[in-house]
Amino acid sequence: MHQSSSHNQSPMSVAAHWVSVTSTISLEMALPGAFGYWLDGQLGTKPCLVIIGVVLGFVTGMVHLLQLVKTENQKEKDRIKDDKKDGR
């Protein structure tokens, strides 16, 4: 079985980290659309701002997700490199 790059942390600590990350990305995607919906109601501009908010939230969430994947891939490469250096 594959171990996480944070193999020296407790499972609860690793779970809390991933809950935090997924919650952050979810909110980054949802809040701009919700704010656009609210602002559309205040200004009477439906559906312009909600569309802009949804697109902005999607782009923001995807950029964050791609950065996360890139970071995790680099950590995995470093771990494999260290394991080879240590002869494991």
Protein backbone atom coordinates (compact mmCIF):
# COMPACT_ATOMS: atom_id res chain seq x y z
CA MET A 1 0.00 0.00 0.00
CA HIS A 2 1.21 3.50 -0.84
CA GLN A 3 2.10 5.69 2.09
CA SER A 4 1.41 9.40 2.14
CA SER A 5 4.32 11.81 1.87
CA SER A 6 3.50 12.70 5.46
CA HIS A 7 4.12 9.13 6.66
CA ASN A 8 5.51 10.34 9.99
CA GLN A 9 2.26 12.14 10.92
CA SER A 10 -0.71 10.59 12.66
CA PRO A 11 -3.62 9.50 10.45
CA MET A 12 -5.87 12.05 12.18
CA SER A 13 -3.42 14.85 11.35
CA VAL A 14 -3.29 13.79 7.70
CA ALA A 15 -7.11 13.58 7.56
CA ALA A 16 -7.47 17.04 9.11
CA HIS A 17 -5.06 18.44 6.51
CA TRP A 18 -7.06 16.97 3.61
CA VAL A 19 -10.39 18.09 5.08
CA SER A 20 -8.95 21.60 5.29
CA VAL A 21 -7.65 21.50 1.71
CA THR A 22 -10.89 20.16 0.20
CA SER A 23 -12.99 22.63 2.20
CA THR A 24 -10.84 25.53 1.05
CA ILE A 25 -11.05 24.55 -2.61
CA SER A 26 -14.82 23.99 -2.34
CA LEU A 27 -15.36 27.42 -0.81
CA GLU A 28 -13.09 29.04 -3.41
CA MET A 29 -15.35 27.58 -6.08
CA ALA A 30 -18.73 28.26 -4.44
CA LEU A 31 -18.42 31.65 -2.74
CA PRO A 32 -17.79 33.85 -5.81
CA GLY A 33 -20.92 32.49 -7.48
CA ALA A 34 -22.97 32.97 -4.30
CA PHE A 35 -21.64 36.51 -3.92
CA GLY A 36 -22.46 37.21 -7.58
CA TYR A 37 -26.00 35.92 -7.01
CA TRP A 38 -26.43 38.15 -3.97
CA LEU A 39 -24.97 41.17 -5.77
CA ASP A 40 -27.22 40.54 -8.78
CA GLY A 41 -30.20 40.67 -6.42
CA GLN A 42 -29.00 43.96 -4.93
CA LEU A 43 -28.23 45.61 -8.26
CA GLY A 44 -30.89 43.96 -10.44
CA THR A 45 -28.32 42.76 -12.97
CA LYS A 46 -29.35 39.08 -13.12
CA PRO A 47 -27.60 36.88 -14.29
CA CYS A 48 -24.45 38.83 -15.23
CA LEU A 49 -22.62 38.83 -11.91
CA VAL A 50 -23.54 35.28 -10.98
CA ILE A 51 -22.04 34.06 -14.26
CA ILE A 52 -18.88 36.08 -13.66
CA GLY A 53 -18.71 34.75 -10.08
CA VAL A 54 -19.13 31.14 -11.16
CA VAL A 55 -16.43 31.44 -13.82
CA LEU A 56 -14.08 33.25 -11.41
CA GLY A 57 -14.71 30.63 -8.70
CA PHE A 58 -14.13 27.76 -11.09
CA VAL A 59 -10.86 29.23 -12.37
CA THR A 60 -9.65 30.02 -8.84
CA GLY A 61 -10.49 26.53 -7.58
CA MET A 62 -8.86 24.81 -10.54
CA VAL A 63 -5.66 26.86 -10.24
CA HIS A 64 -5.44 25.97 -6.55
CA LEU A 65 -6.14 22.31 -7.30
CA LEU A 66 -3.45 22.19 -10.00
CA GLN A 67 -0.93 23.84 -7.65
CA LEU A 68 -1.81 21.24 -5.01
CA VAL A 69 -1.28 18.36 -7.45
CA LYS A 70 2.04 19.84 -8.60
CA THR A 71 3.22 20.19 -4.99
CA GLU A 72 2.15 16.66 -4.06
CA ASN A 73 3.86 15.22 -7.17
CA GLN A 74 7.08 17.02 -6.28
CA LYS A 75 6.92 15.70 -2.70
CA GLU A 76 6.42 12.17 -4.04
CA LYS A 77 9.38 12.52 -6.43
CA ASP A 78 11.54 13.81 -3.59
CA ARG A 79 10.46 10.92 -1.37
CA ILE A 80 11.29 8.35 -4.06
CA LYS A 81 14.64 10.03 -4.67
CA ASP A 82 15.43 9.94 -0.94
CA ASP A 83 14.38 6.28 -0.72
CA LYS A 84 16.72 5.39 -3.58
CA LYS A 85 19.53 7.32 -1.98
CA ASP A 86 18.95 5.48 1.32
CA GLY A 87 18.84 2.12 -0.49
CA ARG A 88 15.20 1.28 0.32
